[in-house]
N, C-alpha and C. Protein backbone atom coordinates (compact mmCIF):
# COMPACT_ATOMS: atom_id res chain seq x y z
N MET A 1 -5.95 -2.78 -26.17
CA MET A 1 -6.25 -3.59 -24.99
C MET A 1 -4.93 -4.05 -24.38
N ILE A 2 -4.84 -3.94 -23.07
CA ILE A 2 -3.66 -4.41 -22.33
C ILE A 2 -3.96 -5.76 -21.71
N ILE A 3 -3.06 -6.71 -21.89
CA ILE A 3 -3.19 -8.04 -21.28
C ILE A 3 -2.01 -8.25 -20.35
N SER A 4 -2.33 -8.47 -19.09
CA SER A 4 -1.31 -8.73 -18.08
C SER A 4 -1.09 -10.24 -17.98
N GLU A 5 0.14 -10.65 -17.71
CA GLU A 5 0.45 -12.07 -17.56
C GLU A 5 1.09 -12.33 -16.20
N THR A 6 0.62 -13.39 -15.54
CA THR A 6 1.11 -13.78 -14.22
C THR A 6 1.42 -15.26 -14.24
N ASP A 7 2.64 -15.63 -13.89
CA ASP A 7 3.01 -17.04 -13.80
C ASP A 7 2.71 -17.56 -12.40
N ILE A 8 2.16 -18.76 -12.33
CA ILE A 8 1.80 -19.40 -11.07
C ILE A 8 2.52 -20.75 -10.98
N GLN A 9 3.38 -20.90 -10.00
CA GLN A 9 4.01 -22.19 -9.72
C GLN A 9 3.00 -23.02 -8.94
N VAL A 10 2.54 -24.11 -9.52
CA VAL A 10 1.51 -24.94 -8.87
C VAL A 10 2.13 -25.68 -7.69
N ARG A 11 1.58 -25.40 -6.51
CA ARG A 11 2.06 -26.03 -5.28
C ARG A 11 1.22 -27.27 -4.95
N TYR A 12 1.83 -28.17 -4.26
CA TYR A 12 1.16 -29.42 -3.88
C TYR A 12 -0.14 -29.14 -3.13
N ALA A 13 -0.14 -28.16 -2.25
CA ALA A 13 -1.31 -27.83 -1.44
C ALA A 13 -2.50 -27.36 -2.28
N GLU A 14 -2.26 -26.98 -3.54
CA GLU A 14 -3.33 -26.50 -4.41
C GLU A 14 -4.00 -27.63 -5.20
N THR A 15 -3.52 -28.85 -5.01
CA THR A 15 -4.02 -29.97 -5.81
C THR A 15 -4.79 -30.97 -4.97
N ASP A 16 -5.52 -31.83 -5.66
CA ASP A 16 -6.23 -32.93 -5.00
C ASP A 16 -5.37 -34.19 -5.07
N GLN A 17 -5.93 -35.33 -4.68
CA GLN A 17 -5.16 -36.57 -4.66
C GLN A 17 -4.68 -37.01 -6.03
N MET A 18 -5.31 -36.50 -7.08
CA MET A 18 -4.91 -36.87 -8.44
C MET A 18 -3.81 -35.95 -8.98
N GLY A 19 -3.38 -34.98 -8.15
CA GLY A 19 -2.35 -34.04 -8.60
C GLY A 19 -2.89 -32.94 -9.49
N VAL A 20 -4.23 -32.80 -9.53
CA VAL A 20 -4.90 -31.80 -10.36
C VAL A 20 -5.28 -30.61 -9.47
N VAL A 21 -5.10 -29.41 -9.98
CA VAL A 21 -5.45 -28.22 -9.21
C VAL A 21 -6.93 -28.25 -8.85
N TYR A 22 -7.21 -28.09 -7.57
CA TYR A 22 -8.58 -28.04 -7.05
C TYR A 22 -9.29 -26.83 -7.63
N HIS A 23 -10.54 -26.99 -8.05
CA HIS A 23 -11.24 -25.97 -8.84
C HIS A 23 -11.30 -24.59 -8.17
N ALA A 24 -11.45 -24.52 -6.86
CA ALA A 24 -11.57 -23.23 -6.19
C ALA A 24 -10.25 -22.45 -6.21
N ASN A 25 -9.14 -23.13 -6.36
CA ASN A 25 -7.85 -22.43 -6.38
C ASN A 25 -7.69 -21.56 -7.62
N TYR A 26 -8.40 -21.86 -8.68
CA TYR A 26 -8.33 -21.00 -9.86
C TYR A 26 -8.86 -19.60 -9.53
N LEU A 27 -9.83 -19.51 -8.62
CA LEU A 27 -10.37 -18.20 -8.23
C LEU A 27 -9.28 -17.35 -7.57
N VAL A 28 -8.44 -17.98 -6.76
CA VAL A 28 -7.32 -17.27 -6.15
C VAL A 28 -6.36 -16.79 -7.23
N TRP A 29 -6.10 -17.63 -8.21
CA TRP A 29 -5.20 -17.26 -9.31
C TRP A 29 -5.77 -16.08 -10.10
N LEU A 30 -7.09 -16.05 -10.30
CA LEU A 30 -7.71 -14.92 -11.00
C LEU A 30 -7.46 -13.63 -10.23
N GLU A 31 -7.57 -13.71 -8.91
CA GLU A 31 -7.30 -12.53 -8.09
C GLU A 31 -5.85 -12.06 -8.24
N LEU A 32 -4.93 -13.00 -8.28
CA LEU A 32 -3.53 -12.64 -8.51
C LEU A 32 -3.35 -11.96 -9.85
N GLY A 33 -4.03 -12.47 -10.87
CA GLY A 33 -3.96 -11.86 -12.20
C GLY A 33 -4.56 -10.47 -12.22
N ARG A 34 -5.69 -10.30 -11.55
CA ARG A 34 -6.35 -8.99 -11.49
C ARG A 34 -5.46 -7.97 -10.77
N THR A 35 -4.86 -8.38 -9.66
CA THR A 35 -3.97 -7.50 -8.92
C THR A 35 -2.77 -7.09 -9.77
N LYS A 36 -2.23 -8.03 -10.52
CA LYS A 36 -1.08 -7.75 -11.41
C LYS A 36 -1.48 -6.77 -12.51
N LEU A 37 -2.66 -6.94 -13.08
CA LEU A 37 -3.13 -6.01 -14.11
C LEU A 37 -3.23 -4.60 -13.54
N ILE A 38 -3.82 -4.48 -12.36
CA ILE A 38 -3.96 -3.16 -11.73
C ILE A 38 -2.58 -2.54 -11.52
N GLU A 39 -1.62 -3.34 -11.07
CA GLU A 39 -0.26 -2.85 -10.88
C GLU A 39 0.39 -2.47 -12.21
N ASP A 40 0.15 -3.28 -13.25
CA ASP A 40 0.70 -2.96 -14.57
C ASP A 40 0.16 -1.63 -15.10
N LEU A 41 -1.04 -1.27 -14.66
CA LEU A 41 -1.64 0.00 -15.07
C LEU A 41 -1.16 1.17 -14.21
N GLY A 42 -0.35 0.86 -13.18
CA GLY A 42 0.24 1.91 -12.37
C GLY A 42 -0.45 2.18 -11.04
N PHE A 43 -1.30 1.26 -10.60
CA PHE A 43 -2.07 1.47 -9.38
C PHE A 43 -1.89 0.31 -8.41
N LYS A 44 -2.38 0.50 -7.19
CA LYS A 44 -2.37 -0.57 -6.19
C LYS A 44 -3.75 -0.64 -5.55
N TYR A 45 -4.30 -1.84 -5.54
CA TYR A 45 -5.61 -2.03 -4.93
C TYR A 45 -5.59 -1.60 -3.46
N ALA A 46 -4.48 -1.84 -2.76
CA ALA A 46 -4.36 -1.46 -1.35
C ALA A 46 -4.55 0.04 -1.16
N ASP A 47 -4.12 0.85 -2.12
CA ASP A 47 -4.31 2.30 -2.03
C ASP A 47 -5.79 2.65 -2.05
N MET A 48 -6.56 1.94 -2.87
CA MET A 48 -8.00 2.17 -2.94
C MET A 48 -8.63 1.81 -1.58
N GLU A 49 -8.23 0.67 -1.03
CA GLU A 49 -8.77 0.26 0.28
C GLU A 49 -8.41 1.27 1.36
N ASN A 50 -7.20 1.83 1.29
CA ASN A 50 -6.78 2.83 2.28
C ASN A 50 -7.64 4.09 2.22
N GLU A 51 -8.28 4.31 1.08
CA GLU A 51 -9.18 5.46 0.94
C GLU A 51 -10.62 5.09 1.27
N GLY A 52 -10.81 3.88 1.82
CA GLY A 52 -12.15 3.47 2.27
C GLY A 52 -13.03 2.92 1.18
N VAL A 53 -12.42 2.41 0.11
CA VAL A 53 -13.19 1.86 -1.02
C VAL A 53 -12.78 0.41 -1.24
N LEU A 54 -13.78 -0.44 -1.46
CA LEU A 54 -13.57 -1.86 -1.75
C LEU A 54 -14.11 -2.17 -3.14
N SER A 55 -13.68 -3.28 -3.70
CA SER A 55 -14.15 -3.69 -5.03
C SER A 55 -14.57 -5.16 -5.00
N PRO A 56 -15.74 -5.44 -4.44
CA PRO A 56 -16.17 -6.84 -4.33
C PRO A 56 -16.56 -7.45 -5.67
N VAL A 57 -16.44 -8.76 -5.72
CA VAL A 57 -16.92 -9.53 -6.87
C VAL A 57 -18.45 -9.61 -6.74
N VAL A 58 -19.17 -9.25 -7.81
CA VAL A 58 -20.63 -9.36 -7.78
C VAL A 58 -21.12 -10.49 -8.70
N ASP A 59 -20.24 -10.97 -9.56
CA ASP A 59 -20.61 -12.09 -10.43
C ASP A 59 -19.31 -12.71 -10.95
N ILE A 60 -19.34 -14.01 -11.14
CA ILE A 60 -18.17 -14.69 -11.69
C ILE A 60 -18.64 -15.82 -12.59
N GLU A 61 -17.96 -15.96 -13.71
CA GLU A 61 -18.19 -17.08 -14.64
C GLU A 61 -16.85 -17.77 -14.83
N ILE A 62 -16.85 -19.08 -14.76
CA ILE A 62 -15.60 -19.82 -14.97
C ILE A 62 -15.92 -21.11 -15.69
N SER A 63 -15.12 -21.41 -16.68
CA SER A 63 -15.30 -22.63 -17.45
C SER A 63 -13.97 -23.38 -17.48
N TYR A 64 -14.01 -24.61 -17.03
CA TYR A 64 -12.80 -25.43 -16.95
C TYR A 64 -12.65 -26.27 -18.22
N LYS A 65 -11.50 -26.17 -18.85
CA LYS A 65 -11.25 -26.85 -20.13
C LYS A 65 -10.26 -27.99 -20.01
N LYS A 66 -9.19 -27.77 -19.26
CA LYS A 66 -8.12 -28.76 -19.16
C LYS A 66 -7.43 -28.54 -17.81
N PRO A 67 -7.15 -29.61 -17.07
CA PRO A 67 -6.55 -29.42 -15.75
C PRO A 67 -5.10 -28.95 -15.81
N VAL A 68 -4.73 -28.20 -14.79
CA VAL A 68 -3.34 -27.87 -14.54
C VAL A 68 -2.91 -28.79 -13.40
N ARG A 69 -1.68 -29.25 -13.45
CA ARG A 69 -1.22 -30.26 -12.51
C ARG A 69 -0.07 -29.77 -11.64
N TYR A 70 0.11 -30.47 -10.53
CA TYR A 70 1.20 -30.20 -9.61
C TYR A 70 2.54 -30.20 -10.34
N GLY A 71 3.36 -29.20 -10.03
CA GLY A 71 4.69 -29.10 -10.63
C GLY A 71 4.74 -28.25 -11.88
N GLU A 72 3.59 -27.95 -12.46
CA GLU A 72 3.56 -27.10 -13.66
C GLU A 72 3.63 -25.62 -13.27
N VAL A 73 3.95 -24.81 -14.24
CA VAL A 73 3.83 -23.36 -14.10
C VAL A 73 2.69 -22.93 -15.01
N ALA A 74 1.61 -22.46 -14.39
CA ALA A 74 0.45 -21.99 -15.15
C ALA A 74 0.64 -20.50 -15.45
N LYS A 75 -0.01 -20.03 -16.50
CA LYS A 75 0.03 -18.61 -16.86
C LYS A 75 -1.40 -18.07 -16.83
N VAL A 76 -1.58 -16.97 -16.08
CA VAL A 76 -2.88 -16.30 -16.02
C VAL A 76 -2.79 -15.03 -16.85
N LYS A 77 -3.64 -14.93 -17.85
CA LYS A 77 -3.74 -13.73 -18.68
C LYS A 77 -4.99 -12.97 -18.23
N THR A 78 -4.85 -11.67 -18.00
CA THR A 78 -5.94 -10.86 -17.46
C THR A 78 -6.07 -9.57 -18.25
N TRP A 79 -7.31 -9.16 -18.51
CA TRP A 79 -7.58 -7.91 -19.22
C TRP A 79 -8.90 -7.33 -18.75
N ILE A 80 -9.18 -6.11 -19.18
CA ILE A 80 -10.45 -5.46 -18.88
C ILE A 80 -11.39 -5.75 -20.04
N GLU A 81 -12.35 -6.60 -19.78
CA GLU A 81 -13.32 -7.00 -20.80
C GLU A 81 -14.34 -5.89 -21.05
N GLU A 82 -14.86 -5.29 -19.97
CA GLU A 82 -15.85 -4.21 -20.06
C GLU A 82 -15.62 -3.23 -18.91
N TYR A 83 -15.91 -1.97 -19.17
CA TYR A 83 -15.80 -0.95 -18.13
C TYR A 83 -16.71 0.20 -18.49
N ASP A 84 -17.52 0.66 -17.53
CA ASP A 84 -18.45 1.75 -17.81
C ASP A 84 -18.35 2.91 -16.82
N GLY A 85 -17.29 2.95 -16.02
CA GLY A 85 -17.13 4.02 -15.05
C GLY A 85 -17.62 3.64 -13.67
N ILE A 86 -18.42 2.59 -13.60
CA ILE A 86 -18.93 2.09 -12.31
C ILE A 86 -18.61 0.60 -12.16
N ARG A 87 -18.92 -0.17 -13.19
CA ARG A 87 -18.67 -1.62 -13.16
C ARG A 87 -17.46 -1.97 -14.02
N VAL A 88 -16.73 -2.99 -13.55
CA VAL A 88 -15.59 -3.51 -14.31
C VAL A 88 -15.80 -5.00 -14.49
N VAL A 89 -15.63 -5.48 -15.70
CA VAL A 89 -15.61 -6.92 -15.96
C VAL A 89 -14.19 -7.26 -16.43
N TYR A 90 -13.54 -8.12 -15.67
CA TYR A 90 -12.21 -8.58 -16.03
C TYR A 90 -12.34 -9.90 -16.77
N GLY A 91 -11.54 -10.10 -17.80
CA GLY A 91 -11.50 -11.36 -18.52
C GLY A 91 -10.20 -12.07 -18.19
N TYR A 92 -10.27 -13.42 -18.23
CA TYR A 92 -9.11 -14.22 -17.86
C TYR A 92 -8.99 -15.45 -18.75
N GLU A 93 -7.77 -15.86 -18.96
CA GLU A 93 -7.44 -17.19 -19.48
C GLU A 93 -6.34 -17.74 -18.60
N VAL A 94 -6.47 -19.01 -18.25
CA VAL A 94 -5.39 -19.71 -17.57
C VAL A 94 -4.87 -20.74 -18.54
N LEU A 95 -3.55 -20.75 -18.73
CA LEU A 95 -2.92 -21.69 -19.66
C LEU A 95 -2.08 -22.69 -18.89
N THR A 96 -2.03 -23.91 -19.40
CA THR A 96 -1.15 -24.92 -18.82
C THR A 96 0.29 -24.55 -19.16
N GLU A 97 1.22 -25.27 -18.55
CA GLU A 97 2.63 -25.02 -18.84
C GLU A 97 2.94 -25.20 -20.33
N GLY A 98 2.22 -26.10 -20.97
CA GLY A 98 2.41 -26.33 -22.40
C GLY A 98 1.68 -25.34 -23.29
N GLY A 99 1.01 -24.33 -22.68
CA GLY A 99 0.31 -23.30 -23.45
C GLY A 99 -1.10 -23.64 -23.85
N GLU A 100 -1.64 -24.76 -23.34
CA GLU A 100 -3.02 -25.14 -23.66
C GLU A 100 -4.00 -24.40 -22.75
N LEU A 101 -5.16 -24.09 -23.29
CA LEU A 101 -6.19 -23.39 -22.54
C LEU A 101 -6.75 -24.27 -21.43
N SER A 102 -6.66 -23.80 -20.20
CA SER A 102 -7.15 -24.54 -19.04
C SER A 102 -8.47 -23.97 -18.53
N VAL A 103 -8.55 -22.65 -18.43
CA VAL A 103 -9.73 -21.99 -17.86
C VAL A 103 -10.01 -20.72 -18.64
N ILE A 104 -11.30 -20.44 -18.83
CA ILE A 104 -11.78 -19.15 -19.33
C ILE A 104 -12.68 -18.61 -18.23
N ALA A 105 -12.52 -17.32 -17.90
CA ALA A 105 -13.33 -16.76 -16.81
C ALA A 105 -13.57 -15.27 -17.00
N LYS A 106 -14.59 -14.78 -16.30
CA LYS A 106 -14.90 -13.36 -16.21
C LYS A 106 -15.34 -13.09 -14.77
N SER A 107 -14.93 -11.95 -14.24
CA SER A 107 -15.44 -11.53 -12.94
C SER A 107 -15.91 -10.09 -13.05
N LYS A 108 -17.09 -9.83 -12.46
CA LYS A 108 -17.66 -8.48 -12.48
C LYS A 108 -17.50 -7.87 -11.09
N HIS A 109 -17.08 -6.60 -11.05
CA HIS A 109 -16.83 -5.90 -9.80
C HIS A 109 -17.47 -4.52 -9.83
N VAL A 110 -17.81 -4.02 -8.65
CA VAL A 110 -18.19 -2.63 -8.46
C VAL A 110 -17.35 -2.09 -7.33
N CYS A 111 -17.19 -0.79 -7.27
CA CYS A 111 -16.51 -0.18 -6.13
C CYS A 111 -17.56 0.35 -5.17
N VAL A 112 -17.33 0.10 -3.88
CA VAL A 112 -18.28 0.51 -2.85
C VAL A 112 -17.53 1.18 -1.70
N LYS A 113 -18.26 2.02 -0.96
CA LYS A 113 -17.71 2.59 0.27
C LYS A 113 -17.61 1.47 1.30
N LYS A 114 -16.47 1.40 1.96
CA LYS A 114 -16.23 0.33 2.92
C LYS A 114 -17.26 0.31 4.05
N GLU A 115 -17.62 1.48 4.56
CA GLU A 115 -18.51 1.53 5.72
C GLU A 115 -19.98 1.30 5.39
N THR A 116 -20.39 1.57 4.17
CA THR A 116 -21.82 1.44 3.82
C THR A 116 -22.11 0.41 2.74
N PHE A 117 -21.09 0.01 2.00
CA PHE A 117 -21.23 -0.87 0.83
C PHE A 117 -22.10 -0.25 -0.26
N ARG A 118 -22.22 1.05 -0.25
CA ARG A 118 -22.95 1.74 -1.32
C ARG A 118 -21.99 1.98 -2.48
N PRO A 119 -22.48 1.74 -3.70
CA PRO A 119 -21.61 1.91 -4.89
C PRO A 119 -21.11 3.34 -5.05
N ILE A 120 -19.93 3.45 -5.64
CA ILE A 120 -19.37 4.76 -5.97
C ILE A 120 -18.99 4.76 -7.46
N SER A 121 -18.81 5.93 -7.98
CA SER A 121 -18.37 6.07 -9.37
C SER A 121 -16.85 6.11 -9.40
N ILE A 122 -16.26 5.14 -10.09
CA ILE A 122 -14.80 5.13 -10.27
C ILE A 122 -14.41 6.39 -11.05
N ARG A 123 -15.22 6.72 -12.02
CA ARG A 123 -14.96 7.88 -12.89
C ARG A 123 -14.76 9.15 -12.04
N LYS A 124 -15.61 9.34 -11.02
CA LYS A 124 -15.55 10.55 -10.21
C LYS A 124 -14.52 10.45 -9.08
N ARG A 125 -14.49 9.29 -8.40
CA ARG A 125 -13.65 9.14 -7.20
C ARG A 125 -12.17 8.91 -7.54
N PHE A 126 -11.94 8.17 -8.63
CA PHE A 126 -10.56 7.85 -9.03
C PHE A 126 -10.37 8.15 -10.52
N PRO A 127 -10.32 9.43 -10.90
CA PRO A 127 -10.25 9.79 -12.32
C PRO A 127 -9.03 9.22 -13.05
N ASP A 128 -7.90 9.06 -12.35
CA ASP A 128 -6.72 8.48 -12.99
C ASP A 128 -6.96 7.01 -13.35
N TRP A 129 -7.58 6.27 -12.42
CA TRP A 129 -7.92 4.86 -12.70
C TRP A 129 -8.89 4.80 -13.87
N HIS A 130 -9.88 5.68 -13.84
CA HIS A 130 -10.89 5.71 -14.91
C HIS A 130 -10.21 5.88 -16.27
N ASP A 131 -9.33 6.87 -16.37
CA ASP A 131 -8.65 7.11 -17.64
C ASP A 131 -7.83 5.89 -18.09
N ALA A 132 -7.11 5.29 -17.12
CA ALA A 132 -6.29 4.11 -17.45
C ALA A 132 -7.18 2.94 -17.90
N TYR A 133 -8.30 2.74 -17.24
CA TYR A 133 -9.20 1.65 -17.62
C TYR A 133 -9.83 1.89 -18.99
N GLU A 134 -10.18 3.13 -19.26
CA GLU A 134 -10.73 3.46 -20.58
C GLU A 134 -9.73 3.14 -21.69
N LYS A 135 -8.46 3.45 -21.45
CA LYS A 135 -7.43 3.21 -22.46
C LYS A 135 -7.09 1.73 -22.59
N ALA A 136 -7.20 0.98 -21.48
CA ALA A 136 -6.75 -0.41 -21.46
C ALA A 136 -7.84 -1.42 -21.83
N LYS A 137 -9.10 -1.01 -21.79
CA LYS A 137 -10.18 -1.99 -21.97
C LYS A 137 -10.24 -2.51 -23.40
N LYS A 138 -10.90 -3.63 -23.53
CA LYS A 138 -11.06 -4.32 -24.81
C LYS A 138 -11.84 -3.47 -25.78
């Protein structure tokens, strides 16, 4: 299993009046982690989009354990939790600067044709991605 790591410098704009990261901003951080994982595997999501394929989120689970605060550097760990050639479930952990668990999350994605939103097989359309995901998954 491959685990990608992304450091996030917490900006003031990402926090509420208490200096705690606003809950929706973690979703943006998960996307940054997912993009980094894809790049670590040798691919670029933009290349997929250029071929007329999108990968929307169809389900997301997130559990908040401990807040991350303004001025900290959070770490997002990302991996492929499940993959079956059509659906991908990414797993995530967000850690505080001190290494404590802040968030546990999973996001489920499918690949679809941009013009119709009809699902496609990653295995058939992007065989290199398929092979890399098979090797990297949990």
